[in-house]
Amino acid sequence: GGNQPIRVDFRCIAATNKSLEKLIEDGSFRPDLYYRLNVFHIELPPLRDRREDIPLLADHFVKKFALAMNKRITHVSSAAMALLQQYDWPGNIRELENAVERALVVAQPPEVRESDFILKLQSDRTDDARTLEEIERNHILRVLEECGGNQTRAAQVLDIDRVTLYNKLKRYGWKRTPVETK
């Protein structure tokens, strides 16, 4: 709110998955801003082009989230690691981080297994949902199934409130299947 200049000393780090040179040519990015930002350029290929980094990153995220969740998970199984290396990671490292975090929520010690991940490989995609609501419904029901019908656990995995999940399931016409007792 003042009117006196304040001296600052900082570095600005910016990232993009777009070609800023191309955007300048198209007239949709300001050249003066580009030249201010482009002091030191680092080109980092997408994760799908450097699959050898996936095991290191996955192990890092397992340690990070196991500690945060106080879970005794020590590693990713070899089958799960193979799955992670086959996936294309359109969301790059953030998507890998979220996938590992979600897997740790449902994983049982001592390792994260292939079944703890909900990744769909390109050849596995059979979801013909056309609307966002259909995609959401399919995803919620798949997570609920993976959690054995446990709505509280599914709500945690989905990162939504349990009441929100209950209301969505009611809207979808989902009925709880009785658990068999022996």
Protein backbone atom coordinates (compact mmCIF):
# COMPACT_ATOMS: atom_id res chain seq x y z
CA GLY A 1 0.00 0.00 0.00
CA GLY A 2 3.01 2.30 0.17
CA ASN A 3 4.40 4.51 -2.53
CA GLN A 4 8.13 4.06 -1.83
CA PRO A 5 10.14 1.65 -4.02
CA ILE A 6 11.45 -1.41 -2.23
CA ARG A 7 14.63 -3.08 -3.56
CA VAL A 8 14.37 -6.84 -4.00
CA ASP A 9 16.79 -9.53 -5.14
CA PHE A 10 15.23 -12.75 -6.44
CA ARG A 11 15.41 -15.34 -9.16
CA CYS A 12 12.35 -16.30 -11.18
CA ILE A 13 12.08 -19.92 -12.30
CA ALA A 14 9.43 -20.61 -14.91
CA ALA A 15 8.44 -23.87 -16.58
CA THR A 16 6.25 -24.72 -19.53
CA ASN A 17 5.48 -27.65 -21.77
CA LYS A 18 4.96 -25.33 -24.75
CA SER A 19 7.47 -23.97 -27.26
CA LEU A 20 7.68 -20.31 -26.31
CA GLU A 21 9.53 -19.53 -29.54
CA LYS A 22 6.56 -20.91 -31.51
CA LEU A 23 4.11 -18.95 -29.32
CA ILE A 24 6.08 -15.76 -30.02
CA GLU A 25 5.85 -16.47 -33.76
CA ASP A 26 2.09 -17.00 -33.40
CA GLY A 27 1.78 -13.73 -31.49
CA SER A 28 0.39 -15.36 -28.35
CA PHE A 29 3.43 -14.80 -26.09
CA ARG A 30 5.19 -11.50 -25.49
CA PRO A 31 8.79 -11.52 -26.81
CA ASP A 32 9.96 -9.03 -24.17
CA LEU A 33 8.76 -11.33 -21.39
CA TYR A 34 10.45 -14.29 -23.07
CA TYR A 35 13.81 -12.48 -23.20
CA ARG A 36 13.48 -11.43 -19.56
CA LEU A 37 12.80 -15.03 -18.48
CA ASN A 38 15.18 -16.84 -20.83
CA VAL A 39 18.43 -16.20 -18.95
CA PHE A 40 19.32 -19.85 -18.40
CA HIS A 41 17.42 -22.45 -20.42
CA ILE A 42 17.09 -26.08 -19.31
CA GLU A 43 15.38 -28.54 -21.66
CA LEU A 44 13.91 -31.46 -19.69
CA PRO A 45 12.31 -34.20 -21.78
CA PRO A 46 8.96 -35.66 -20.66
CA LEU A 47 9.05 -38.67 -18.32
CA ARG A 48 7.94 -41.02 -21.12
CA ASP A 49 11.23 -40.20 -22.89
CA ARG A 50 13.37 -40.99 -19.85
CA ARG A 51 11.86 -44.13 -18.38
CA GLU A 52 15.14 -44.94 -16.62
CA ASP A 53 14.24 -42.18 -14.11
CA ILE A 54 10.94 -43.85 -13.13
CA PRO A 55 12.38 -46.35 -10.57
CA LEU A 56 14.37 -43.63 -8.80
CA LEU A 57 11.42 -41.25 -8.71
CA ALA A 58 8.95 -43.97 -7.63
CA ASP A 59 11.26 -45.07 -4.79
CA HIS A 60 11.64 -41.46 -3.69
CA PHE A 61 7.87 -40.95 -3.62
CA VAL A 62 7.32 -44.25 -1.76
CA LYS A 63 9.73 -43.15 0.98
CA LYS A 64 8.19 -39.67 1.13
CA PHE A 65 4.57 -40.85 1.42
CA ALA A 66 5.29 -43.88 3.60
CA LEU A 67 6.89 -41.54 6.13
CA ALA A 68 4.04 -39.02 5.87
CA MET A 69 1.38 -41.74 6.24
CA ASN A 70 3.34 -43.66 8.87
CA LYS A 71 3.15 -46.83 6.76
CA ARG A 72 5.78 -49.56 6.72
CA ILE A 73 6.01 -49.75 2.95
CA THR A 74 9.59 -50.06 1.78
CA HIS A 75 9.52 -50.51 -2.00
CA VAL A 76 7.58 -51.04 -5.22
CA SER A 77 7.27 -54.67 -6.33
CA SER A 78 9.00 -55.63 -9.57
CA ALA A 79 5.63 -56.25 -11.31
CA ALA A 80 4.37 -52.82 -10.21
CA MET A 81 7.60 -51.20 -11.35
CA ALA A 82 7.21 -52.83 -14.76
CA LEU A 83 3.69 -51.35 -14.94
CA LEU A 84 5.02 -47.90 -14.04
CA GLN A 85 7.65 -48.12 -16.77
CA GLN A 86 5.11 -49.17 -19.42
CA TYR A 87 2.79 -46.23 -18.73
CA ASP A 88 3.26 -43.05 -20.85
CA TRP A 89 2.81 -40.51 -18.00
CA PRO A 90 1.00 -37.72 -19.87
CA GLY A 91 1.00 -35.76 -16.59
CA ASN A 92 4.75 -36.29 -16.16
CA ILE A 93 6.31 -36.44 -12.68
CA ARG A 94 3.29 -34.90 -10.95
CA GLU A 95 1.13 -37.73 -12.26
CA LEU A 96 3.67 -40.32 -11.09
CA GLU A 97 3.79 -38.68 -7.66
CA ASN A 98 -0.01 -38.72 -7.37
CA ALA A 99 -0.18 -42.34 -8.57
CA VAL A 100 2.35 -43.44 -5.94
CA GLU A 101 0.58 -41.47 -3.20
CA ARG A 102 -2.78 -43.04 -4.13
CA ALA A 103 -1.20 -46.50 -4.24
CA LEU A 104 0.28 -46.06 -0.77
CA VAL A 105 -3.16 -45.25 0.62
CA VAL A 106 -4.42 -48.72 -0.33
CA ALA A 107 -1.12 -50.66 -0.21
CA GLN A 108 -0.37 -53.22 2.47
CA PRO A 109 3.18 -53.59 3.84
CA PRO A 110 5.88 -54.31 2.91
CA GLU A 111 5.51 -53.24 -0.73
CA VAL A 112 3.38 -51.43 -3.26
CA ARG A 113 1.88 -54.00 -5.64
CA GLU A 114 0.63 -53.74 -9.20
CA SER A 115 -2.98 -53.97 -7.98
CA ASP A 116 -2.46 -50.84 -5.84
CA PHE A 117 -2.18 -48.70 -8.99
CA ILE A 118 -5.16 -47.69 -11.15
CA LEU A 119 -3.17 -46.90 -14.28
CA LYS A 120 -4.70 -47.80 -17.62
CA LEU A 121 -2.27 -48.66 -20.37
CA GLN A 122 -3.26 -47.49 -23.86
CA SER A 123 -4.05 -51.05 -24.98
CA ASP A 124 -6.27 -51.52 -21.89
CA ARG A 125 -8.48 -48.50 -22.55
CA THR A 126 -12.00 -49.72 -23.16
CA ASP A 127 -13.78 -46.92 -21.33
CA ASP A 128 -16.22 -45.55 -23.88
CA ALA A 129 -17.62 -42.91 -21.53
CA ARG A 130 -18.49 -39.75 -23.42
CA THR A 131 -19.34 -37.25 -20.70
CA LEU A 132 -17.39 -36.03 -17.71
CA GLU A 133 -20.11 -37.40 -15.44
CA GLU A 134 -19.77 -40.88 -17.00
CA ILE A 135 -16.01 -40.79 -16.58
CA GLU A 136 -16.37 -39.66 -12.96
CA ARG A 137 -18.95 -42.39 -12.28
CA ASN A 138 -16.72 -45.10 -13.78
CA HIS A 139 -13.71 -43.89 -11.82
CA ILE A 140 -15.57 -43.69 -8.51
CA LEU A 141 -17.07 -47.16 -8.94
CA ARG A 142 -13.69 -48.62 -9.90
CA VAL A 143 -12.01 -47.10 -6.82
CA LEU A 144 -14.88 -48.27 -4.62
CA GLU A 145 -14.48 -51.80 -5.99
CA GLU A 146 -10.72 -51.68 -5.37
CA CYS A 147 -11.42 -50.64 -1.78
CA GLY A 148 -13.70 -53.66 -1.28
CA GLY A 149 -16.84 -51.51 -1.08
CA ASN A 150 -15.45 -49.56 1.89
CA GLN A 151 -16.86 -46.07 1.30
CA THR A 152 -14.67 -44.36 3.91
CA ARG A 153 -11.51 -45.75 2.37
CA ALA A 154 -12.72 -44.99 -1.18
CA ALA A 155 -13.49 -41.39 -0.16
CA GLN A 156 -9.93 -41.07 1.20
CA VAL A 157 -8.44 -42.44 -2.03
CA LEU A 158 -10.63 -40.11 -4.12
CA ASP A 159 -9.78 -37.22 -1.79
CA ILE A 160 -13.42 -36.29 -1.32
CA ASP A 161 -15.66 -36.16 1.72
CA ARG A 162 -17.41 -39.43 2.63
CA VAL A 163 -20.83 -37.71 2.49
CA THR A 164 -20.03 -36.43 -1.02
CA LEU A 165 -19.15 -39.96 -2.06
CA TYR A 166 -22.36 -41.30 -0.48
CA ASN A 167 -24.46 -38.72 -2.38
CA LYS A 168 -22.74 -39.51 -5.69
CA LEU A 169 -23.27 -43.26 -5.18
CA LYS A 170 -26.93 -42.61 -4.38
CA ARG A 171 -27.25 -40.57 -7.59
CA TYR A 172 -25.62 -43.43 -9.56
CA GLY A 173 -28.09 -45.93 -8.08
CA TRP A 174 -25.27 -47.94 -6.49
CA LYS A 175 -26.40 -50.49 -3.94
CA ARG A 176 -24.15 -51.96 -1.28
CA THR A 177 -23.72 -55.70 -1.79
CA PRO A 178 -24.01 -57.69 1.42
CA VAL A 179 -20.80 -59.18 2.75
CA GLU A 180 -20.87 -62.96 3.04
CA THR A 181 -20.15 -64.37 6.46
CA LYS A 182 -18.78 -67.83 7.02
